[in-house]
Amino acid sequence: MNKLEIKGDWNITKGKLKQKWAKLTDDDLQFAEGKQEELLGRIQKRTGETREAIEKAVKEAGSCCK
């Protein structure tokens, strides 16, 4: 997954991820250029999901925006 896939239309993606994992906060989902690894790590820590599951969820949530 590259940064453009994550960045996309981030507000829509962020909303879908919060629907999937209600534990996530806006602070958890702050996206900063070059910080995608940190973002995935924060989601993983908060949800307990595997990295692969998180990457898949982010990709699916962002696919509506393309």
PDB file of N, CA and C in Angstrom:
ATOM      1  N   MET A   1       0.856  -1.165   0.000  1.00  0.00           N
ATOM      2  CA  MET A   1       0.000   0.000   0.000  1.00  0.00           C
ATOM      3  C   MET A   1       0.899   1.224   0.000  1.00  0.00           C
ATOM      4  N   ASN A   2       0.617   2.171  -0.879  1.00  0.00           N
ATOM      5  CA  ASN A   2       1.448   3.369  -0.904  1.00  0.00           C
ATOM      6  C   ASN A   2       0.704   4.553  -0.305  1.00  0.00           C
ATOM      7  N   LYS A   3       1.434   5.654  -0.124  1.00  0.00           N
ATOM      8  CA  LYS A   3       0.842   6.801   0.560  1.00  0.00           C
ATOM      9  C   LYS A   3      -0.306   7.422  -0.211  1.00  0.00           C
ATOM     10  N   LEU A   4      -0.302   7.322  -1.533  1.00  0.00           N
ATOM     11  CA  LEU A   4      -1.413   7.864  -2.298  1.00  0.00           C
ATOM     12  C   LEU A   4      -2.678   7.059  -2.076  1.00  0.00           C
ATOM     13  N   GLU A   5      -2.535   5.744  -1.919  1.00  0.00           N
ATOM     14  CA  GLU A   5      -3.701   4.915  -1.629  1.00  0.00           C
ATOM     15  C   GLU A   5      -4.297   5.279  -0.280  1.00  0.00           C
ATOM     16  N   ILE A   6      -3.445   5.550   0.692  1.00  0.00           N
ATOM     17  CA  ILE A   6      -3.928   5.910   2.018  1.00  0.00           C
ATOM     18  C   ILE A   6      -4.499   7.322   2.001  1.00  0.00           C
ATOM     19  N   LYS A   7      -3.797   8.252   1.377  1.00  0.00           N
ATOM     20  CA  LYS A   7      -4.198   9.657   1.437  1.00  0.00           C
ATOM     21  C   LYS A   7      -5.535   9.879   0.747  1.00  0.00           C
ATOM     22  N   GLY A   8      -5.658   9.485  -0.520  1.00  0.00           N
ATOM     23  CA  GLY A   8      -6.902   9.591  -1.267  1.00  0.00           C
ATOM     24  C   GLY A   8      -7.829  10.678  -0.772  1.00  0.00           C
ATOM     25  N   ASP A   9      -9.076  10.357  -0.578  1.00  0.00           N
ATOM     26  CA  ASP A   9     -10.025  11.282   0.023  1.00  0.00           C
ATOM     27  C   ASP A   9     -10.122  10.874   1.480  1.00  0.00           C
ATOM     28  N   TRP A  10      -9.221  11.412   2.275  1.00  0.00           N
ATOM     29  CA  TRP A  10      -8.998  10.908   3.621  1.00  0.00           C
ATOM     30  C   TRP A  10     -10.205  11.057   4.532  1.00  0.00           C
ATOM     31  N   ASN A  11     -10.991  12.097   4.386  1.00  0.00           N
ATOM     32  CA  ASN A  11     -12.142  12.272   5.271  1.00  0.00           C
ATOM     33  C   ASN A  11     -13.151  11.150   5.119  1.00  0.00           C
ATOM     34  N   ILE A  12     -13.399  10.709   3.906  1.00  0.00           N
ATOM     35  CA  ILE A  12     -14.333   9.600   3.678  1.00  0.00           C
ATOM     36  C   ILE A  12     -13.745   8.308   4.234  1.00  0.00           C
ATOM     37  N   THR A  13     -12.487   8.068   3.939  1.00  0.00           N
ATOM     38  CA  THR A  13     -11.811   6.872   4.430  1.00  0.00           C
ATOM     39  C   THR A  13     -11.823   6.833   5.946  1.00  0.00           C
ATOM     40  N   LYS A  14     -11.523   7.959   6.566  1.00  0.00           N
ATOM     41  CA  LYS A  14     -11.489   8.061   8.021  1.00  0.00           C
ATOM     42  C   LYS A  14     -12.860   7.721   8.619  1.00  0.00           C
ATOM     43  N   GLY A  15     -13.912   8.237   8.020  1.00  0.00           N
ATOM     44  CA  GLY A  15     -15.259   7.955   8.509  1.00  0.00           C
ATOM     45  C   GLY A  15     -15.603   6.485   8.434  1.00  0.00           C
ATOM     46  N   LYS A  16     -15.222   5.840   7.347  1.00  0.00           N
ATOM     47  CA  LYS A  16     -15.502   4.406   7.201  1.00  0.00           C
ATOM     48  C   LYS A  16     -14.714   3.573   8.200  1.00  0.00           C
ATOM     49  N   LEU A  17     -13.473   3.960   8.475  1.00  0.00           N
ATOM     50  CA  LEU A  17     -12.673   3.233   9.456  1.00  0.00           C
ATOM     51  C   LEU A  17     -13.248   3.400  10.857  1.00  0.00           C
ATOM     52  N   LYS A  18     -13.758   4.593  11.166  1.00  0.00           N
ATOM     53  CA  LYS A  18     -14.377   4.814  12.476  1.00  0.00           C
ATOM     54  C   LYS A  18     -15.672   4.022  12.609  1.00  0.00           C
ATOM     55  N   GLN A  19     -16.379   3.806  11.505  1.00  0.00           N
ATOM     56  CA  GLN A  19     -17.578   2.966  11.539  1.00  0.00           C
ATOM     57  C   GLN A  19     -17.188   1.523  11.828  1.00  0.00           C
ATOM     58  N   LYS A  20     -16.096   1.075  11.218  1.00  0.00           N
ATOM     59  CA  LYS A  20     -15.646  -0.302  11.404  1.00  0.00           C
ATOM     60  C   LYS A  20     -15.096  -0.529  12.808  1.00  0.00           C
ATOM     61  N   TRP A  21     -14.269   0.409  13.284  1.00  0.00           N
ATOM     62  CA  TRP A  21     -13.649   0.302  14.600  1.00  0.00           C
ATOM     63  C   TRP A  21     -14.003   1.545  15.408  1.00  0.00           C
ATOM     64  N   ALA A  22     -15.063   1.487  16.161  1.00  0.00           N
ATOM     65  CA  ALA A  22     -15.561   2.647  16.912  1.00  0.00           C
ATOM     66  C   ALA A  22     -14.558   3.164  17.938  1.00  0.00           C
ATOM     67  N   LYS A  23     -13.589   2.352  18.323  1.00  0.00           N
ATOM     68  CA  LYS A  23     -12.587   2.765  19.313  1.00  0.00           C
ATOM     69  C   LYS A  23     -11.635   3.828  18.780  1.00  0.00           C
ATOM     70  N   LEU A  24     -11.554   3.969  17.461  1.00  0.00           N
ATOM     71  CA  LEU A  24     -10.607   4.914  16.881  1.00  0.00           C
ATOM     72  C   LEU A  24     -11.066   6.347  17.114  1.00  0.00           C
ATOM     73  N   THR A  25     -10.104   7.220  17.389  1.00  0.00           N
ATOM     74  CA  THR A  25     -10.394   8.638  17.583  1.00  0.00           C
ATOM     75  C   THR A  25      -9.830   9.429  16.405  1.00  0.00           C
ATOM     76  N   ASP A  26     -10.196  10.702  16.325  1.00  0.00           N
ATOM     77  CA  ASP A  26      -9.626  11.554  15.280  1.00  0.00           C
ATOM     78  C   ASP A  26      -8.111  11.637  15.422  1.00  0.00           C
ATOM     79  N   ASP A  27      -7.625  11.655  16.657  1.00  0.00           N
ATOM     80  CA  ASP A  27      -6.174  11.695  16.873  1.00  0.00           C
ATOM     81  C   ASP A  27      -5.508  10.443  16.323  1.00  0.00           C
ATOM     82  N   ASP A  28      -6.157   9.283  16.495  1.00  0.00           N
ATOM     83  CA  ASP A  28      -5.598   8.040  15.961  1.00  0.00           C
ATOM     84  C   ASP A  28      -5.492   8.096  14.442  1.00  0.00           C
ATOM     85  N   LEU A  29      -6.432   8.784  13.827  1.00  0.00           N
ATOM     86  CA  LEU A  29      -6.530   8.770  12.373  1.00  0.00           C
ATOM     87  C   LEU A  29      -5.942   9.998  11.696  1.00  0.00           C
ATOM     88  N   GLN A  30      -5.137  10.764  12.396  1.00  0.00           N
ATOM     89  CA  GLN A  30      -4.491  11.900  11.753  1.00  0.00           C
ATOM     90  C   GLN A  30      -3.464  11.378  10.763  1.00  0.00           C
ATOM     91  N   PHE A  31      -3.604  11.804   9.522  1.00  0.00           N
ATOM     92  CA  PHE A  31      -2.676  11.374   8.479  1.00  0.00           C
ATOM     93  C   PHE A  31      -1.708  12.506   8.186  1.00  0.00           C
ATOM     94  N   ALA A  32      -0.450  12.227   8.279  1.00  0.00           N
ATOM     95  CA  ALA A  32       0.568  13.211   7.918  1.00  0.00           C
ATOM     96  C   ALA A  32       1.447  12.592   6.843  1.00  0.00           C
ATOM     97  N   GLU A  33       1.785  13.382   5.880  1.00  0.00           N
ATOM     98  CA  GLU A  33       2.646  12.919   4.788  1.00  0.00           C
ATOM     99  C   GLU A  33       3.855  12.186   5.348  1.00  0.00           C
ATOM    100  N   GLY A  34       4.120  10.988   4.869  1.00  0.00           N
ATOM    101  CA  GLY A  34       5.273  10.216   5.306  1.00  0.00           C
ATOM    102  C   GLY A  34       5.075   9.480   6.615  1.00  0.00           C
ATOM    103  N   LYS A  35       3.886   9.513   7.172  1.00  0.00           N
ATOM    104  CA  LYS A  35       3.640   8.888   8.466  1.00  0.00           C
ATOM    105  C   LYS A  35       2.668   7.710   8.363  1.00  0.00           C
ATOM    106  N   GLN A  36       2.542   7.110   7.177  1.00  0.00           N
ATOM    107  CA  GLN A  36       1.575   6.023   7.012  1.00  0.00           C
ATOM    108  C   GLN A  36       1.893   4.820   7.890  1.00  0.00           C
ATOM    109  N   GLU A  37       3.182   4.568   8.134  1.00  0.00           N
ATOM    110  CA  GLU A  37       3.550   3.445   9.001  1.00  0.00           C
ATOM    111  C   GLU A  37       3.067   3.695  10.428  1.00  0.00           C
ATOM    112  N   GLU A  38       3.243   4.929  10.880  1.00  0.00           N
ATOM    113  CA  GLU A  38       2.786   5.290  12.224  1.00  0.00           C
ATOM    114  C   GLU A  38       1.268   5.179  12.320  1.00  0.00           C
ATOM    115  N   LEU A  39       0.574   5.633  11.287  1.00  0.00           N
ATOM    116  CA  LEU A  39      -0.883   5.562  11.263  1.00  0.00           C
ATOM    117  C   LEU A  39      -1.348   4.113  11.377  1.00  0.00           C
ATOM    118  N   LEU A  40      -0.773   3.225  10.584  1.00  0.00           N
ATOM    119  CA  LEU A  40      -1.155   1.814  10.629  1.00  0.00           C
ATOM    120  C   LEU A  40      -0.838   1.212  11.993  1.00  0.00           C
ATOM    121  N   GLY A  41       0.283   1.602  12.573  1.00  0.00           N
ATOM    122  CA  GLY A  41       0.650   1.118  13.908  1.00  0.00           C
ATOM    123  C   GLY A  41      -0.325   1.585  14.977  1.00  0.00           C
ATOM    124  N   ARG A  42      -0.767   2.844  14.883  1.00  0.00           N
ATOM    125  CA  ARG A  42      -1.746   3.363  15.847  1.00  0.00           C
ATOM    126  C   ARG A  42      -3.059   2.587  15.755  1.00  0.00           C
ATOM    127  N   ILE A  43      -3.525   2.351  14.534  1.00  0.00           N
ATOM    128  CA  ILE A  43      -4.780   1.609  14.359  1.00  0.00           C
ATOM    129  C   ILE A  43      -4.613   0.199  14.906  1.00  0.00           C
ATOM    130  N   GLN A  44      -3.476  -0.425  14.621  1.00  0.00           N
ATOM    131  CA  GLN A  44      -3.223  -1.780  15.093  1.00  0.00           C
ATOM    132  C   GLN A  44      -3.208  -1.833  16.616  1.00  0.00           C
ATOM    133  N   LYS A  45      -2.565  -0.880  17.242  1.00  0.00           N
ATOM    134  CA  LYS A  45      -2.498  -0.848  18.698  1.00  0.00           C
ATOM    135  C   LYS A  45      -3.883  -0.657  19.305  1.00  0.00           C
ATOM    136  N   ARG A  46      -4.669   0.235  18.730  1.00  0.00           N
ATOM    137  CA  ARG A  46      -5.989   0.563  19.277  1.00  0.00           C
ATOM    138  C   ARG A  46      -6.991  -0.573  19.072  1.00  0.00           C
ATOM    139  N   THR A  47      -6.919  -1.249  17.925  1.00  0.00           N
ATOM    140  CA  THR A  47      -7.933  -2.254  17.598  1.00  0.00           C
ATOM    141  C   THR A  47      -7.515  -3.685  17.887  1.00  0.00           C
ATOM    142  N   GLY A  48      -6.201  -3.949  17.926  1.00  0.00           N
ATOM    143  CA  GLY A  48      -5.728  -5.314  18.113  1.00  0.00           C
ATOM    144  C   GLY A  48      -5.790  -6.152  16.843  1.00  0.00           C
ATOM    145  N   GLU A  49      -6.126  -5.524  15.732  1.00  0.00           N
ATOM    146  CA  GLU A  49      -6.203  -6.229  14.446  1.00  0.00           C
ATOM    147  C   GLU A  49      -4.800  -6.464  13.881  1.00  0.00           C
ATOM    148  N   THR A  50      -4.703  -7.402  12.942  1.00  0.00           N
ATOM    149  CA  THR A  50      -3.425  -7.629  12.276  1.00  0.00           C
ATOM    150  C   THR A  50      -3.159  -6.504  11.286  1.00  0.00           C
ATOM    151  N   ARG A  51      -1.905  -6.313  10.980  1.00  0.00           N
ATOM    152  CA  ARG A  51      -1.530  -5.283  10.003  1.00  0.00           C
ATOM    153  C   ARG A  51      -2.195  -5.537   8.654  1.00  0.00           C
ATOM    154  N   GLU A  52      -2.255  -6.790   8.257  1.00  0.00           N
ATOM    155  CA  GLU A  52      -2.867  -7.139   6.979  1.00  0.00           C
ATOM    156  C   GLU A  52      -4.350  -6.766   6.968  1.00  0.00           C
ATOM    157  N   ALA A  53      -5.046  -7.026   8.069  1.00  0.00           N
ATOM    158  CA  ALA A  53      -6.472  -6.695   8.155  1.00  0.00           C
ATOM    159  C   ALA A  53      -6.679  -5.186   8.088  1.00  0.00           C
ATOM    160  N   ILE A  54      -5.787  -4.441   8.720  1.00  0.00           N
ATOM    161  CA  ILE A  54      -5.896  -2.983   8.711  1.00  0.00           C
ATOM    162  C   ILE A  54      -5.628  -2.437   7.314  1.00  0.00           C
ATOM    163  N   GLU A  55      -4.587  -2.939   6.666  1.00  0.00           N
ATOM    164  CA  GLU A  55      -4.285  -2.485   5.307  1.00  0.00           C
ATOM    165  C   GLU A  55      -5.448  -2.777   4.374  1.00  0.00           C
ATOM    166  N   LYS A  56      -6.053  -3.947   4.527  1.00  0.00           N
ATOM    167  CA  LYS A  56      -7.201  -4.309   3.690  1.00  0.00           C
ATOM    168  C   LYS A  56      -8.378  -3.373   3.963  1.00  0.00           C
ATOM    169  N   ALA A  57      -8.643  -3.082   5.231  1.00  0.00           N
ATOM    170  CA  ALA A  57      -9.760  -2.200   5.590  1.00  0.00           C
ATOM    171  C   ALA A  57      -9.535  -0.785   5.065  1.00  0.00           C
ATOM    172  N   VAL A  58      -8.303  -0.286   5.166  1.00  0.00           N
ATOM    173  CA  VAL A  58      -7.991   1.048   4.668  1.00  0.00           C
ATOM    174  C   VAL A  58      -8.168   1.086   3.155  1.00  0.00           C
ATOM    175  N   LYS A  59      -7.698   0.062   2.491  1.00  0.00           N
ATOM    176  CA  LYS A  59      -7.820   0.003   1.031  1.00  0.00           C
ATOM    177  C   LYS A  59      -9.284  -0.051   0.615  1.00  0.00           C
ATOM    178  N   GLU A  60     -10.085  -0.878   1.299  1.00  0.00           N
ATOM    179  CA  GLU A  60     -11.513  -0.997   0.985  1.00  0.00           C
ATOM    180  C   GLU A  60     -12.242   0.320   1.278  1.00  0.00           C
ATOM    181  N   ALA A  61     -11.914   0.949   2.400  1.00  0.00           N
ATOM    182  CA  ALA A  61     -12.574   2.203   2.767  1.00  0.00           C
ATOM    183  C   ALA A  61     -12.227   3.303   1.772  1.00  0.00           C
ATOM    184  N   GLY A  62     -11.027   3.274   1.253  1.00  0.00           N
ATOM    185  CA  GLY A  62     -10.600   4.292   0.300  1.00  0.00           C
ATOM    186  C   GLY A  62     -11.009   4.004  -1.130  1.00  0.00           C
ATOM    187  N   SER A  63     -11.450   2.781  -1.416  1.00  0.00           N
ATOM    188  CA  SER A  63     -11.775   2.429  -2.803  1.00  0.00           C
ATOM    189  C   SER A  63     -12.999   3.161  -3.329  1.00  0.00           C
ATOM    190  N   CYS A  64     -13.861   3.632  -2.439  1.00  0.00           N
ATOM    191  CA  CYS A  64     -15.047   4.365  -2.861  1.00  0.00           C
ATOM    192  C   CYS A  64     -14.688   5.725  -3.443  1.00  0.00           C
ATOM    193  N   CYS A  65     -13.511   6.182  -3.148  1.00  0.00           N
ATOM    194  CA  CYS A  65     -13.119   7.548  -3.483  1.00  0.00           C
ATOM    195  C   CYS A  65     -12.420   7.660  -4.825  1.00  0.00           C
ATOM    196  N   LYS A  66     -12.180   6.570  -5.485  1.00  0.00           N
ATOM    197  CA  LYS A  66     -11.404   6.606  -6.737  1.00  0.00           C
ATOM    198  C   LYS A  66     -12.296   6.744  -7.924  1.00  0.00           C
TER     199      LYS A  66
END
